[in-house]
Amino acid sequence: MKVNTFFNQGLGHQVIENLSSPAFINCLGSGRNKGLAFVNSAMLKALGYESASQLKGKHLNTILNRW
């Protein structure tokens, strides 16, 4: 799912509002894609993942463009 699509569907607002189960994922990459990405349970489910461990070490573009 593209980031723009994600936010246009209103899921981004749901994620921002639901910060009850945060997890920090180390996303490997280069340039602008290198660093930590913040996700929570709502974002995980919206992106089609079940747990934060499925994302660990994946490139940020791979995570967001899974579809």
PDB file of N, CA and C in Angstrom:
ATOM      1  N   MET A   1       0.843  -1.174   0.000  1.00  0.00           N
ATOM      2  CA  MET A   1       0.000   0.000   0.000  1.00  0.00           C
ATOM      3  C   MET A   1       0.888   1.237   0.000  1.00  0.00           C
ATOM      4  N   LYS A   2       0.653   2.125  -0.923  1.00  0.00           N
ATOM      5  CA  LYS A   2       1.421   3.363  -0.995  1.00  0.00           C
ATOM      6  C   LYS A   2       1.074   4.246   0.201  1.00  0.00           C
ATOM      7  N   VAL A   3       2.029   5.047   0.636  1.00  0.00           N
ATOM      8  CA  VAL A   3       1.821   5.912   1.797  1.00  0.00           C
ATOM      9  C   VAL A   3       0.660   6.869   1.557  1.00  0.00           C
ATOM     10  N   ASN A   4       0.590   7.472   0.370  1.00  0.00           N
ATOM     11  CA  ASN A   4      -0.497   8.411   0.078  1.00  0.00           C
ATOM     12  C   ASN A   4      -1.855   7.732   0.157  1.00  0.00           C
ATOM     13  N   THR A   5      -1.959   6.525  -0.380  1.00  0.00           N
ATOM     14  CA  THR A   5      -3.202   5.765  -0.322  1.00  0.00           C
ATOM     15  C   THR A   5      -3.570   5.476   1.114  1.00  0.00           C
ATOM     16  N   PHE A   6      -2.567   5.099   1.895  1.00  0.00           N
ATOM     17  CA  PHE A   6      -2.753   4.783   3.309  1.00  0.00           C
ATOM     18  C   PHE A   6      -3.410   5.958   4.035  1.00  0.00           C
ATOM     19  N   PHE A   7      -2.877   7.164   3.842  1.00  0.00           N
ATOM     20  CA  PHE A   7      -3.414   8.334   4.526  1.00  0.00           C
ATOM     21  C   PHE A   7      -4.718   8.824   3.906  1.00  0.00           C
ATOM     22  N   ASN A   8      -4.870   8.686   2.597  1.00  0.00           N
ATOM     23  CA  ASN A   8      -6.108   9.113   1.947  1.00  0.00           C
ATOM     24  C   ASN A   8      -7.298   8.276   2.390  1.00  0.00           C
ATOM     25  N   GLN A   9      -7.071   7.028   2.756  1.00  0.00           N
ATOM     26  CA  GLN A   9      -8.148   6.165   3.219  1.00  0.00           C
ATOM     27  C   GLN A   9      -8.501   6.431   4.676  1.00  0.00           C
ATOM     28  N   GLY A  10      -7.830   7.373   5.304  1.00  0.00           N
ATOM     29  CA  GLY A  10      -8.135   7.708   6.683  1.00  0.00           C
ATOM     30  C   GLY A  10      -7.435   6.824   7.688  1.00  0.00           C
ATOM     31  N   LEU A  11      -6.661   5.855   7.211  1.00  0.00           N
ATOM     32  CA  LEU A  11      -5.983   4.947   8.130  1.00  0.00           C
ATOM     33  C   LEU A  11      -4.883   5.659   8.894  1.00  0.00           C
ATOM     34  N   GLY A  12      -4.270   6.653   8.272  1.00  0.00           N
ATOM     35  CA  GLY A  12      -3.210   7.397   8.947  1.00  0.00           C
ATOM     36  C   GLY A  12      -3.720   8.096  10.187  1.00  0.00           C
ATOM     37  N   HIS A  13      -4.917   8.638  10.113  1.00  0.00           N
ATOM     38  CA  HIS A  13      -5.502   9.317  11.271  1.00  0.00           C
ATOM     39  C   HIS A  13      -5.821   8.316  12.368  1.00  0.00           C
ATOM     40  N   GLN A  14      -6.268   7.136  11.979  1.00  0.00           N
ATOM     41  CA  GLN A  14      -6.547   6.076  12.944  1.00  0.00           C
ATOM     42  C   GLN A  14      -5.272   5.683  13.668  1.00  0.00           C
ATOM     43  N   VAL A  15      -4.181   5.586  12.932  1.00  0.00           N
ATOM     44  CA  VAL A  15      -2.893   5.223  13.512  1.00  0.00           C
ATOM     45  C   VAL A  15      -2.438   6.272  14.507  1.00  0.00           C
ATOM     46  N   ILE A  16      -2.554   7.542  14.135  1.00  0.00           N
ATOM     47  CA  ILE A  16      -2.124   8.623  15.017  1.00  0.00           C
ATOM     48  C   ILE A  16      -2.942   8.628  16.301  1.00  0.00           C
ATOM     49  N   GLU A  17      -4.221   8.333  16.197  1.00  0.00           N
ATOM     50  CA  GLU A  17      -5.098   8.345  17.364  1.00  0.00           C
ATOM     51  C   GLU A  17      -4.902   7.118  18.247  1.00  0.00           C
ATOM     52  N   ASN A  18      -4.485   6.001  17.681  1.00  0.00           N
ATOM     53  CA  ASN A  18      -4.356   4.767  18.448  1.00  0.00           C
ATOM     54  C   ASN A  18      -2.886   4.486  18.741  1.00  0.00           C
ATOM     55  N   LEU A  19      -2.382   5.064  19.810  1.00  0.00           N
ATOM     56  CA  LEU A  19      -0.981   4.865  20.181  1.00  0.00           C
ATOM     57  C   LEU A  19      -0.848   3.971  21.407  1.00  0.00           C
ATOM     58  N   SER A  20      -1.794   3.062  21.584  1.00  0.00           N
ATOM     59  CA  SER A  20      -1.796   2.227  22.785  1.00  0.00           C
ATOM     60  C   SER A  20      -0.754   1.118  22.754  1.00  0.00           C
ATOM     61  N   SER A  21      -0.365   0.648  21.580  1.00  0.00           N
ATOM     62  CA  SER A  21       0.598  -0.455  21.499  1.00  0.00           C
ATOM     63  C   SER A  21       1.751  -0.107  20.573  1.00  0.00           C
ATOM     64  N   PRO A  22       2.590   0.840  20.954  1.00  0.00           N
ATOM     65  CA  PRO A  22       3.676   1.230  20.051  1.00  0.00           C
ATOM     66  C   PRO A  22       4.789   0.198  19.985  1.00  0.00           C
ATOM     67  N   ALA A  23       5.452   0.143  18.851  1.00  0.00           N
ATOM     68  CA  ALA A  23       6.639  -0.698  18.673  1.00  0.00           C
ATOM     69  C   ALA A  23       7.606   0.066  17.796  1.00  0.00           C
ATOM     70  N   PHE A  24       8.873  -0.035  18.099  1.00  0.00           N
ATOM     71  CA  PHE A  24       9.871   0.634  17.276  1.00  0.00           C
ATOM     72  C   PHE A  24      10.576  -0.407  16.420  1.00  0.00           C
ATOM     73  N   ILE A  25      10.600  -0.163  15.124  1.00  0.00           N
ATOM     74  CA  ILE A  25      11.158  -1.103  14.165  1.00  0.00           C
ATOM     75  C   ILE A  25      12.409  -0.504  13.555  1.00  0.00           C
ATOM     76  N   ASN A  26      13.474  -1.277  13.522  1.00  0.00           N
ATOM     77  CA  ASN A  26      14.706  -0.810  12.896  1.00  0.00           C
ATOM     78  C   ASN A  26      14.629  -1.117  11.409  1.00  0.00           C
ATOM     79  N   CYS A  27      14.409  -0.101  10.612  1.00  0.00           N
ATOM     80  CA  CYS A  27      14.299  -0.269   9.160  1.00  0.00           C
ATOM     81  C   CYS A  27      15.649   0.003   8.521  1.00  0.00           C
ATOM     82  N   LEU A  28      16.173  -0.978   7.836  1.00  0.00           N
ATOM     83  CA  LEU A  28      17.457  -0.820   7.179  1.00  0.00           C
ATOM     84  C   LEU A  28      17.259  -0.195   5.814  1.00  0.00           C
ATOM     85  N   GLY A  29      18.147   0.671   5.435  1.00  0.00           N
ATOM     86  CA  GLY A  29      18.045   1.299   4.128  1.00  0.00           C
ATOM     87  C   GLY A  29      19.204   2.237   3.928  1.00  0.00           C
ATOM     88  N   SER A  30      19.028   3.185   3.052  1.00  0.00           N
ATOM     89  CA  SER A  30      20.079   4.163   2.808  1.00  0.00           C
ATOM     90  C   SER A  30      19.445   5.517   2.551  1.00  0.00           C
ATOM     91  N   GLY A  31      20.208   6.560   2.741  1.00  0.00           N
ATOM     92  CA  GLY A  31      19.705   7.905   2.497  1.00  0.00           C
ATOM     93  C   GLY A  31      18.524   8.242   3.378  1.00  0.00           C
ATOM     94  N   ARG A  32      17.464   8.737   2.745  1.00  0.00           N
ATOM     95  CA  ARG A  32      16.277   9.158   3.495  1.00  0.00           C
ATOM     96  C   ARG A  32      15.535   7.990   4.128  1.00  0.00           C
ATOM     97  N   ASN A  33      15.781   6.771   3.659  1.00  0.00           N
ATOM     98  CA  ASN A  33      15.054   5.612   4.170  1.00  0.00           C
ATOM     99  C   ASN A  33      15.738   4.931   5.345  1.00  0.00           C
ATOM    100  N   LYS A  34      16.864   5.470   5.796  1.00  0.00           N
ATOM    101  CA  LYS A  34      17.590   4.823   6.881  1.00  0.00           C
ATOM    102  C   LYS A  34      17.157   5.411   8.219  1.00  0.00           C
ATOM    103  N   GLY A  35      16.926   4.571   9.182  1.00  0.00           N
ATOM    104  CA  GLY A  35      16.577   5.048  10.514  1.00  0.00           C
ATOM    105  C   GLY A  35      15.447   4.252  11.115  1.00  0.00           C
ATOM    106  N   LEU A  36      14.867   4.799  12.151  1.00  0.00           N
ATOM    107  CA  LEU A  36      13.792   4.117  12.860  1.00  0.00           C
ATOM    108  C   LEU A  36      12.436   4.585  12.368  1.00  0.00           C
ATOM    109  N   ALA A  37      11.529   3.654  12.210  1.00  0.00           N
ATOM    110  CA  ALA A  37      10.150   3.987  11.849  1.00  0.00           C
ATOM    111  C   ALA A  37       9.260   3.625  13.023  1.00  0.00           C
ATOM    112  N   PHE A  38       8.316   4.475  13.323  1.00  0.00           N
ATOM    113  CA  PHE A  38       7.397   4.226  14.431  1.00  0.00           C
ATOM    114  C   PHE A  38       6.122   3.599  13.894  1.00  0.00           C
ATOM    115  N   VAL A  39       5.747   2.480  14.463  1.00  0.00           N
ATOM    116  CA  VAL A  39       4.486   1.850  14.081  1.00  0.00           C
ATOM    117  C   VAL A  39       3.740   1.433  15.338  1.00  0.00           C
ATOM    118  N   ASN A  40       2.474   1.200  15.222  1.00  0.00           N
ATOM    119  CA  ASN A  40       1.687   0.665  16.328  1.00  0.00           C
ATOM    120  C   ASN A  40       0.748  -0.401  15.786  1.00  0.00           C
ATOM    121  N   SER A  41      -0.067  -0.964  16.650  1.00  0.00           N
ATOM    122  CA  SER A  41      -0.904  -2.093  16.251  1.00  0.00           C
ATOM    123  C   SER A  41      -1.859  -1.738  15.114  1.00  0.00           C
ATOM    124  N   ALA A  42      -2.401  -0.530  15.116  1.00  0.00           N
ATOM    125  CA  ALA A  42      -3.328  -0.138  14.050  1.00  0.00           C
ATOM    126  C   ALA A  42      -2.620  -0.081  12.703  1.00  0.00           C
ATOM    127  N   MET A  43      -1.407   0.463  12.686  1.00  0.00           N
ATOM    128  CA  MET A  43      -0.664   0.551  11.436  1.00  0.00           C
ATOM    129  C   MET A  43      -0.259  -0.840  10.957  1.00  0.00           C
ATOM    130  N   LEU A  44       0.178  -1.705  11.877  1.00  0.00           N
ATOM    131  CA  LEU A  44       0.552  -3.071  11.503  1.00  0.00           C
ATOM    132  C   LEU A  44      -0.600  -3.763  10.786  1.00  0.00           C
ATOM    133  N   LYS A  45      -1.790  -3.696  11.371  1.00  0.00           N
ATOM    134  CA  LYS A  45      -2.951  -4.362  10.782  1.00  0.00           C
ATOM    135  C   LYS A  45      -3.331  -3.735   9.449  1.00  0.00           C
ATOM    136  N   ALA A  46      -3.252  -2.406   9.360  1.00  0.00           N
ATOM    137  CA  ALA A  46      -3.602  -1.722   8.115  1.00  0.00           C
ATOM    138  C   ALA A  46      -2.655  -2.097   6.983  1.00  0.00           C
ATOM    139  N   LEU A  47      -1.400  -2.353   7.324  1.00  0.00           N
ATOM    140  CA  LEU A  47      -0.412  -2.732   6.314  1.00  0.00           C
ATOM    141  C   LEU A  47      -0.412  -4.230   6.035  1.00  0.00           C
ATOM    142  N   GLY A  48      -1.209  -5.004   6.790  1.00  0.00           N
ATOM    143  CA  GLY A  48      -1.335  -6.430   6.541  1.00  0.00           C
ATOM    144  C   GLY A  48      -0.367  -7.309   7.301  1.00  0.00           C
ATOM    145  N   TYR A  49       0.241  -6.785   8.360  1.00  0.00           N
ATOM    146  CA  TYR A  49       1.166  -7.564   9.175  1.00  0.00           C
ATOM    147  C   TYR A  49       0.508  -7.918  10.498  1.00  0.00           C
ATOM    148  N   GLU A  50       0.997  -8.987  11.135  1.00  0.00           N
ATOM    149  CA  GLU A  50       0.433  -9.408  12.408  1.00  0.00           C
ATOM    150  C   GLU A  50       1.257  -8.961  13.599  1.00  0.00           C
ATOM    151  N   SER A  51       2.572  -8.869  13.432  1.00  0.00           N
ATOM    152  CA  SER A  51       3.416  -8.463  14.556  1.00  0.00           C
ATOM    153  C   SER A  51       4.597  -7.645  14.070  1.00  0.00           C
ATOM    154  N   ALA A  52       5.162  -6.879  14.990  1.00  0.00           N
ATOM    155  CA  ALA A  52       6.298  -6.023  14.658  1.00  0.00           C
ATOM    156  C   ALA A  52       7.514  -6.836  14.226  1.00  0.00           C
ATOM    157  N   SER A  53       7.625  -8.064  14.697  1.00  0.00           N
ATOM    158  CA  SER A  53       8.784  -8.889  14.348  1.00  0.00           C
ATOM    159  C   SER A  53       8.838  -9.188  12.848  1.00  0.00           C
ATOM    160  N   GLN A  54       7.709  -9.143  12.161  1.00  0.00           N
ATOM    161  CA  GLN A  54       7.682  -9.371  10.713  1.00  0.00           C
ATOM    162  C   GLN A  54       8.355  -8.237   9.950  1.00  0.00           C
ATOM    163  N   LEU A  55       8.479  -7.064  10.562  1.00  0.00           N
ATOM    164  CA  LEU A  55       9.036  -5.896   9.889  1.00  0.00           C
ATOM    165  C   LEU A  55      10.498  -5.661  10.201  1.00  0.00           C
ATOM    166  N   LYS A  56      11.008  -6.257  11.244  1.00  0.00           N
ATOM    167  CA  LYS A  56      12.357  -5.948  11.706  1.00  0.00           C
ATOM    168  C   LYS A  56      13.391  -6.224  10.618  1.00  0.00           C
ATOM    169  N   GLY A  57      14.200  -5.217  10.340  1.00  0.00           N
ATOM    170  CA  GLY A  57      15.269  -5.357   9.368  1.00  0.00           C
ATOM    171  C   GLY A  57      14.870  -5.158   7.920  1.00  0.00           C
ATOM    172  N   LYS A  58      13.573  -4.972   7.653  1.00  0.00           N
ATOM    173  CA  LYS A  58      13.136  -4.771   6.271  1.00  0.00           C
ATOM    174  C   LYS A  58      13.305  -3.315   5.875  1.00  0.00           C
ATOM    175  N   HIS A  59      13.556  -3.094   4.603  1.00  0.00           N
ATOM    176  CA  HIS A  59      13.678  -1.750   4.050  1.00  0.00           C
ATOM    177  C   HIS A  59      12.327  -1.046   4.163  1.00  0.00           C
ATOM    178  N   LEU A  60      12.345   0.223   4.529  1.00  0.00           N
ATOM    179  CA  LEU A  60      11.108   0.968   4.738  1.00  0.00           C
ATOM    180  C   LEU A  60      10.217   0.953   3.500  1.00  0.00           C
ATOM    181  N   ASN A  61      10.801   1.075   2.312  1.00  0.00           N
ATOM    182  CA  ASN A  61      10.001   1.024   1.081  1.00  0.00           C
ATOM    183  C   ASN A  61       9.323  -0.326   0.913  1.00  0.00           C
ATOM    184  N   THR A  62       9.992  -1.396   1.306  1.00  0.00           N
ATOM    185  CA  THR A  62       9.411  -2.741   1.214  1.00  0.00           C
ATOM    186  C   THR A  62       8.203  -2.856   2.126  1.00  0.00           C
ATOM    187  N   ILE A  63       8.307  -2.298   3.318  1.00  0.00           N
ATOM    188  CA  ILE A  63       7.214  -2.363   4.286  1.00  0.00           C
ATOM    189  C   ILE A  63       5.995  -1.597   3.779  1.00  0.00           C
ATOM    190  N   LEU A  64       6.200  -0.380   3.310  1.00  0.00           N
ATOM    191  CA  LEU A  64       5.087   0.481   2.919  1.00  0.00           C
ATOM    192  C   LEU A  64       4.498   0.118   1.567  1.00  0.00           C
ATOM    193  N   ASN A  65       5.276  -0.494   0.695  1.00  0.00           N
ATOM    194  CA  ASN A  65       4.801  -0.823  -0.651  1.00  0.00           C
ATOM    195  C   ASN A  65       4.553  -2.314  -0.822  1.00  0.00           C
ATOM    196  N   ARG A  66       4.194  -2.983   0.251  1.00  0.00           N
ATOM    197  CA  ARG A  66       3.982  -4.429   0.229  1.00  0.00           C
ATOM    198  C   ARG A  66       2.961  -4.842  -0.828  1.00  0.00           C
ATOM    199  N   TRP A  67       1.936  -4.062  -1.019  1.00  0.00           N
ATOM    200  CA  TRP A  67       0.870  -4.415  -1.953  1.00  0.00           C
ATOM    201  C   TRP A  67       1.302  -4.093  -3.336  1.00  0.00           C
TER     202      TRP A  67
END
